[in-house]
Amino acid sequence: MNIGIIIGSHRKASQSAKVGRFLSTLLETEFGAHTWTRDLGATPLPYGMKTSGTTGRNGSN
């Protein structure tokens, strides 16, 4: 089983990050699941990047 954990806090070393890492370790050790995490505090999503097929707030690309 593959489980993704997205840590949504933009703060570095946040409590959310600690909880996310704890859950990842717990799921892997106790249940044998394969987990991956995306910590937005450590690696934020790109902002303002144009992607084909998506529209902005005003409906333009």
PDB file of N, CA and C in Angstrom:
ATOM      1  N   MET A   1       0.842  -1.174   0.000  1.00  0.00           N
ATOM      2  CA  MET A   1       0.000   0.000   0.000  1.00  0.00           C
ATOM      3  C   MET A   1       0.887   1.236   0.000  1.00  0.00           C
ATOM      4  N   ASN A   2       0.599   2.174  -0.882  1.00  0.00           N
ATOM      5  CA  ASN A   2       1.323   3.447  -0.961  1.00  0.00           C
ATOM      6  C   ASN A   2       0.458   4.544  -0.366  1.00  0.00           C
ATOM      7  N   ILE A   3       1.036   5.307   0.550  1.00  0.00           N
ATOM      8  CA  ILE A   3       0.311   6.387   1.213  1.00  0.00           C
ATOM      9  C   ILE A   3       1.132   7.663   1.119  1.00  0.00           C
ATOM     10  N   GLY A   4       0.514   8.725   0.627  1.00  0.00           N
ATOM     11  CA  GLY A   4       1.161  10.026   0.563  1.00  0.00           C
ATOM     12  C   GLY A   4       0.690  10.911   1.704  1.00  0.00           C
ATOM     13  N   ILE A   5       1.616  11.604   2.322  1.00  0.00           N
ATOM     14  CA  ILE A   5       1.304  12.522   3.421  1.00  0.00           C
ATOM     15  C   ILE A   5       1.767  13.910   3.001  1.00  0.00           C
ATOM     16  N   ILE A   6       0.820  14.834   2.908  1.00  0.00           N
ATOM     17  CA  ILE A   6       1.146  16.209   2.549  1.00  0.00           C
ATOM     18  C   ILE A   6       1.107  17.052   3.824  1.00  0.00           C
ATOM     19  N   ILE A   7       2.229  17.663   4.129  1.00  0.00           N
ATOM     20  CA  ILE A   7       2.344  18.503   5.313  1.00  0.00           C
ATOM     21  C   ILE A   7       2.114  19.926   4.841  1.00  0.00           C
ATOM     22  N   GLY A   8       0.966  20.495   5.212  1.00  0.00           N
ATOM     23  CA  GLY A   8       0.504  21.738   4.623  1.00  0.00           C
ATOM     24  C   GLY A   8       1.000  23.021   5.255  1.00  0.00           C
ATOM     25  N   SER A   9       1.703  22.962   6.352  1.00  0.00           N
ATOM     26  CA  SER A   9       2.191  24.185   6.969  1.00  0.00           C
ATOM     27  C   SER A   9       3.369  24.743   6.187  1.00  0.00           C
ATOM     28  N   HIS A  10       3.413  26.051   6.005  1.00  0.00           N
ATOM     29  CA  HIS A  10       4.528  26.680   5.298  1.00  0.00           C
ATOM     30  C   HIS A  10       5.665  27.038   6.242  1.00  0.00           C
ATOM     31  N   ARG A  11       5.474  26.788   7.527  1.00  0.00           N
ATOM     32  CA  ARG A  11       6.528  27.084   8.501  1.00  0.00           C
ATOM     33  C   ARG A  11       7.541  25.951   8.543  1.00  0.00           C
ATOM     34  N   LYS A  12       8.792  26.318   8.649  1.00  0.00           N
ATOM     35  CA  LYS A  12       9.834  25.306   8.794  1.00  0.00           C
ATOM     36  C   LYS A  12       9.803  24.771  10.222  1.00  0.00           C
ATOM     37  N   ALA A  13      10.038  23.484  10.373  1.00  0.00           N
ATOM     38  CA  ALA A  13      10.055  22.806  11.672  1.00  0.00           C
ATOM     39  C   ALA A  13       8.730  22.984  12.421  1.00  0.00           C
ATOM     40  N   SER A  14       7.627  22.857  11.701  1.00  0.00           N
ATOM     41  CA  SER A  14       6.307  23.029  12.310  1.00  0.00           C
ATOM     42  C   SER A  14       5.867  21.766  13.039  1.00  0.00           C
ATOM     43  N   GLN A  15       4.863  21.902  13.872  1.00  0.00           N
ATOM     44  CA  GLN A  15       4.280  20.744  14.546  1.00  0.00           C
ATOM     45  C   GLN A  15       3.647  19.807  13.518  1.00  0.00           C
ATOM     46  N   SER A  16       3.078  20.366  12.469  1.00  0.00           N
ATOM     47  CA  SER A  16       2.488  19.539  11.407  1.00  0.00           C
ATOM     48  C   SER A  16       3.537  18.636  10.782  1.00  0.00           C
ATOM     49  N   ALA A  17       4.736  19.151  10.579  1.00  0.00           N
ATOM     50  CA  ALA A  17       5.819  18.348  10.007  1.00  0.00           C
ATOM     51  C   ALA A  17       6.205  17.218  10.946  1.00  0.00           C
ATOM     52  N   LYS A  18       6.251  17.504  12.233  1.00  0.00           N
ATOM     53  CA  LYS A  18       6.581  16.464  13.214  1.00  0.00           C
ATOM     54  C   LYS A  18       5.523  15.371  13.215  1.00  0.00           C
ATOM     55  N   VAL A  19       4.262  15.760  13.158  1.00  0.00           N
ATOM     56  CA  VAL A  19       3.171  14.787  13.127  1.00  0.00           C
ATOM     57  C   VAL A  19       3.222  13.971  11.842  1.00  0.00           C
ATOM     58  N   GLY A  20       3.474  14.625  10.719  1.00  0.00           N
ATOM     59  CA  GLY A  20       3.568  13.927   9.442  1.00  0.00           C
ATOM     60  C   GLY A  20       4.679  12.888   9.430  1.00  0.00           C
ATOM     61  N   ARG A  21       5.844  13.256   9.954  1.00  0.00           N
ATOM     62  CA  ARG A  21       6.957  12.293  10.017  1.00  0.00           C
ATOM     63  C   ARG A  21       6.643  11.152  10.971  1.00  0.00           C
ATOM     64  N   PHE A  22       5.996  11.460  12.091  1.00  0.00           N
ATOM     65  CA  PHE A  22       5.593  10.418  13.040  1.00  0.00           C
ATOM     66  C   PHE A  22       4.640   9.424  12.375  1.00  0.00           C
ATOM     67  N   LEU A  23       3.614   9.947  11.677  1.00  0.00           N
ATOM     68  CA  LEU A  23       2.651   9.069  11.006  1.00  0.00           C
ATOM     69  C   LEU A  23       3.323   8.228   9.922  1.00  0.00           C
ATOM     70  N   SER A  24       4.241   8.828   9.194  1.00  0.00           N
ATOM     71  CA  SER A  24       4.956   8.093   8.165  1.00  0.00           C
ATOM     72  C   SER A  24       5.719   6.916   8.770  1.00  0.00           C
ATOM     73  N   THR A  25       6.443   7.177   9.851  1.00  0.00           N
ATOM     74  CA  THR A  25       7.203   6.123  10.522  1.00  0.00           C
ATOM     75  C   THR A  25       6.275   5.051  11.084  1.00  0.00           C
ATOM     76  N   LEU A  26       5.186   5.467  11.703  1.00  0.00           N
ATOM     77  CA  LEU A  26       4.228   4.527  12.280  1.00  0.00           C
ATOM     78  C   LEU A  26       3.625   3.621  11.204  1.00  0.00           C
ATOM     79  N   LEU A  27       3.195   4.209  10.102  1.00  0.00           N
ATOM     80  CA  LEU A  27       2.587   3.425   9.029  1.00  0.00           C
ATOM     81  C   LEU A  27       3.577   2.434   8.420  1.00  0.00           C
ATOM     82  N   GLU A  28       4.827   2.840   8.301  1.00  0.00           N
ATOM     83  CA  GLU A  28       5.831   1.950   7.727  1.00  0.00           C
ATOM     84  C   GLU A  28       6.210   0.825   8.675  1.00  0.00           C
ATOM     85  N   THR A  29       6.410   1.134   9.950  1.00  0.00           N
ATOM     86  CA  THR A  29       6.867   0.112  10.893  1.00  0.00           C
ATOM     87  C   THR A  29       5.747  -0.810  11.370  1.00  0.00           C
ATOM     88  N   GLU A  30       4.587  -0.264  11.630  1.00  0.00           N
ATOM     89  CA  GLU A  30       3.502  -1.067  12.190  1.00  0.00           C
ATOM     90  C   GLU A  30       2.647  -1.763  11.137  1.00  0.00           C
ATOM     91  N   PHE A  31       2.513  -1.156   9.965  1.00  0.00           N
ATOM     92  CA  PHE A  31       1.596  -1.688   8.963  1.00  0.00           C
ATOM     93  C   PHE A  31       2.278  -2.093   7.662  1.00  0.00           C
ATOM     94  N   GLY A  32       3.574  -1.846   7.547  1.00  0.00           N
ATOM     95  CA  GLY A  32       4.315  -2.229   6.355  1.00  0.00           C
ATOM     96  C   GLY A  32       3.957  -1.427   5.115  1.00  0.00           C
ATOM     97  N   ALA A  33       3.364  -0.265   5.306  1.00  0.00           N
ATOM     98  CA  ALA A  33       2.975   0.578   4.171  1.00  0.00           C
ATOM     99  C   ALA A  33       4.189   1.337   3.642  1.00  0.00           C
ATOM    100  N   HIS A  34       4.178   1.653   2.375  1.00  0.00           N
ATOM    101  CA  HIS A  34       5.193   2.514   1.784  1.00  0.00           C
ATOM    102  C   HIS A  34       4.626   3.928   1.787  1.00  0.00           C
ATOM    103  N   THR A  35       5.344   4.869   2.384  1.00  0.00           N
ATOM    104  CA  THR A  35       4.839   6.246   2.478  1.00  0.00           C
ATOM    105  C   THR A  35       5.799   7.214   1.807  1.00  0.00           C
ATOM    106  N   TRP A  36       5.259   8.336   1.378  1.00  0.00           N
ATOM    107  CA  TRP A  36       6.052   9.465   0.899  1.00  0.00           C
ATOM    108  C   TRP A  36       5.447  10.723   1.506  1.00  0.00           C
ATOM    109  N   THR A  37       6.279  11.709   1.739  1.00  0.00           N
ATOM    110  CA  THR A  37       5.795  12.962   2.310  1.00  0.00           C
ATOM    111  C   THR A  37       6.197  14.136   1.432  1.00  0.00           C
ATOM    112  N   ARG A  38       5.369  15.161   1.450  1.00  0.00           N
ATOM    113  CA  ARG A  38       5.671  16.440   0.795  1.00  0.00           C
ATOM    114  C   ARG A  38       5.478  17.505   1.855  1.00  0.00           C
ATOM    115  N   ASP A  39       6.570  18.064   2.324  1.00  0.00           N
ATOM    116  CA  ASP A  39       6.541  19.093   3.356  1.00  0.00           C
ATOM    117  C   ASP A  39       6.604  20.449   2.668  1.00  0.00           C
ATOM    118  N   LEU A  40       5.494  21.182   2.667  1.00  0.00           N
ATOM    119  CA  LEU A  40       5.445  22.472   1.994  1.00  0.00           C
ATOM    120  C   LEU A  40       6.301  23.527   2.687  1.00  0.00           C
ATOM    121  N   GLY A  41       6.666  23.303   3.932  1.00  0.00           N
ATOM    122  CA  GLY A  41       7.581  24.217   4.609  1.00  0.00           C
ATOM    123  C   GLY A  41       9.006  24.069   4.110  1.00  0.00           C
ATOM    124  N   ALA A  42       9.365  22.861   3.680  1.00  0.00           N
ATOM    125  CA  ALA A  42      10.715  22.601   3.192  1.00  0.00           C
ATOM    126  C   ALA A  42      10.815  22.772   1.677  1.00  0.00           C
ATOM    127  N   THR A  43       9.785  22.358   0.959  1.00  0.00           N
ATOM    128  CA  THR A  43       9.776  22.451  -0.498  1.00  0.00           C
ATOM    129  C   THR A  43       8.422  22.975  -0.952  1.00  0.00           C
ATOM    130  N   PRO A  44       8.253  24.286  -0.998  1.00  0.00           N
ATOM    131  CA  PRO A  44       6.951  24.853  -1.365  1.00  0.00           C
ATOM    132  C   PRO A  44       6.587  24.551  -2.811  1.00  0.00           C
ATOM    133  N   LEU A  45       5.300  24.555  -3.081  1.00  0.00           N
ATOM    134  CA  LEU A  45       4.829  24.387  -4.445  1.00  0.00           C
ATOM    135  C   LEU A  45       5.194  25.614  -5.258  1.00  0.00           C
ATOM    136  N   PRO A  46       5.484  25.435  -6.546  1.00  0.00           N
ATOM    137  CA  PRO A  46       5.796  26.601  -7.379  1.00  0.00           C
ATOM    138  C   PRO A  46       4.583  27.515  -7.502  1.00  0.00           C
ATOM    139  N   TYR A  47       4.800  28.798  -7.472  1.00  0.00           N
ATOM    140  CA  TYR A  47       3.718  29.771  -7.556  1.00  0.00           C
ATOM    141  C   TYR A  47       3.790  30.500  -8.888  1.00  0.00           C
ATOM    142  N   GLY A  48       2.653  30.645  -9.544  1.00  0.00           N
ATOM    143  CA  GLY A  48       2.604  31.390 -10.780  1.00  0.00           C
ATOM    144  C   GLY A  48       3.082  30.606 -11.988  1.00  0.00           C
ATOM    145  N   MET A  49       3.270  29.308 -11.812  1.00  0.00           N
ATOM    146  CA  MET A  49       3.724  28.467 -12.908  1.00  0.00           C
ATOM    147  C   MET A  49       2.543  28.099 -13.798  1.00  0.00           C
ATOM    148  N   LYS A  50       2.656  28.355 -15.081  1.00  0.00           N
ATOM    149  CA  LYS A  50       1.567  28.031 -16.000  1.00  0.00           C
ATOM    150  C   LYS A  50       1.600  26.550 -16.327  1.00  0.00           C
ATOM    151  N   THR A  51       0.428  25.938 -16.270  1.00  0.00           N
ATOM    152  CA  THR A  51       0.274  24.535 -16.606  1.00  0.00           C
ATOM    153  C   THR A  51      -0.804  24.427 -17.672  1.00  0.00           C
ATOM    154  N   SER A  52      -0.564  23.668 -18.711  1.00  0.00           N
ATOM    155  CA  SER A  52      -1.542  23.536 -19.760  1.00  0.00           C
ATOM    156  C   SER A  52      -2.811  22.895 -19.218  1.00  0.00           C
ATOM    157  N   GLY A  53      -3.954  23.378 -19.675  1.00  0.00           N
ATOM    158  CA  GLY A  53      -5.219  22.805 -19.267  1.00  0.00           C
ATOM    159  C   GLY A  53      -5.824  23.421 -18.018  1.00  0.00           C
ATOM    160  N   THR A  54      -5.117  24.344 -17.385  1.00  0.00           N
ATOM    161  CA  THR A  54      -5.666  24.991 -16.197  1.00  0.00           C
ATOM    162  C   THR A  54      -5.970  26.447 -16.525  1.00  0.00           C
ATOM    163  N   THR A  55      -6.912  26.997 -15.808  1.00  0.00           N
ATOM    164  CA  THR A  55      -7.251  28.397 -16.021  1.00  0.00           C
ATOM    165  C   THR A  55      -7.053  29.158 -14.724  1.00  0.00           C
ATOM    166  N   GLY A  56      -6.792  30.425 -14.891  1.00  0.00           N
ATOM    167  CA  GLY A  56      -6.648  31.292 -13.737  1.00  0.00           C
ATOM    168  C   GLY A  56      -7.987  31.717 -13.174  1.00  0.00           C
ATOM    169  N   ARG A  57      -7.953  32.586 -12.213  1.00  0.00           N
ATOM    170  CA  ARG A  57      -9.171  33.034 -11.540  1.00  0.00           C
ATOM    171  C   ARG A  57     -10.148  33.721 -12.500  1.00  0.00           C
ATOM    172  N   ASN A  58      -9.609  34.451 -13.474  1.00  0.00           N
ATOM    173  CA  ASN A  58     -10.473  35.164 -14.408  1.00  0.00           C
ATOM    174  C   ASN A  58     -10.810  34.342 -15.661  1.00  0.00           C
ATOM    175  N   GLY A  59     -10.407  33.062 -15.686  1.00  0.00           N
ATOM    176  CA  GLY A  59     -10.722  32.174 -16.798  1.00  0.00           C
ATOM    177  C   GLY A  59      -9.697  32.170 -17.914  1.00  0.00           C
ATOM    178  N   SER A  60      -8.637  32.972 -17.791  1.00  0.00           N
ATOM    179  CA  SER A  60      -7.607  32.984 -18.829  1.00  0.00           C
ATOM    180  C   SER A  60      -6.465  32.067 -18.430  1.00  0.00           C
ATOM    181  N   ASN A  61      -5.686  31.650 -19.412  1.00  0.00           N
ATOM    182  CA  ASN A  61      -4.507  30.800 -19.134  1.00  0.00           C
ATOM    183  C   ASN A  61      -3.308  31.640 -18.855  1.00  0.00           C
TER     184      ASN A  61
END
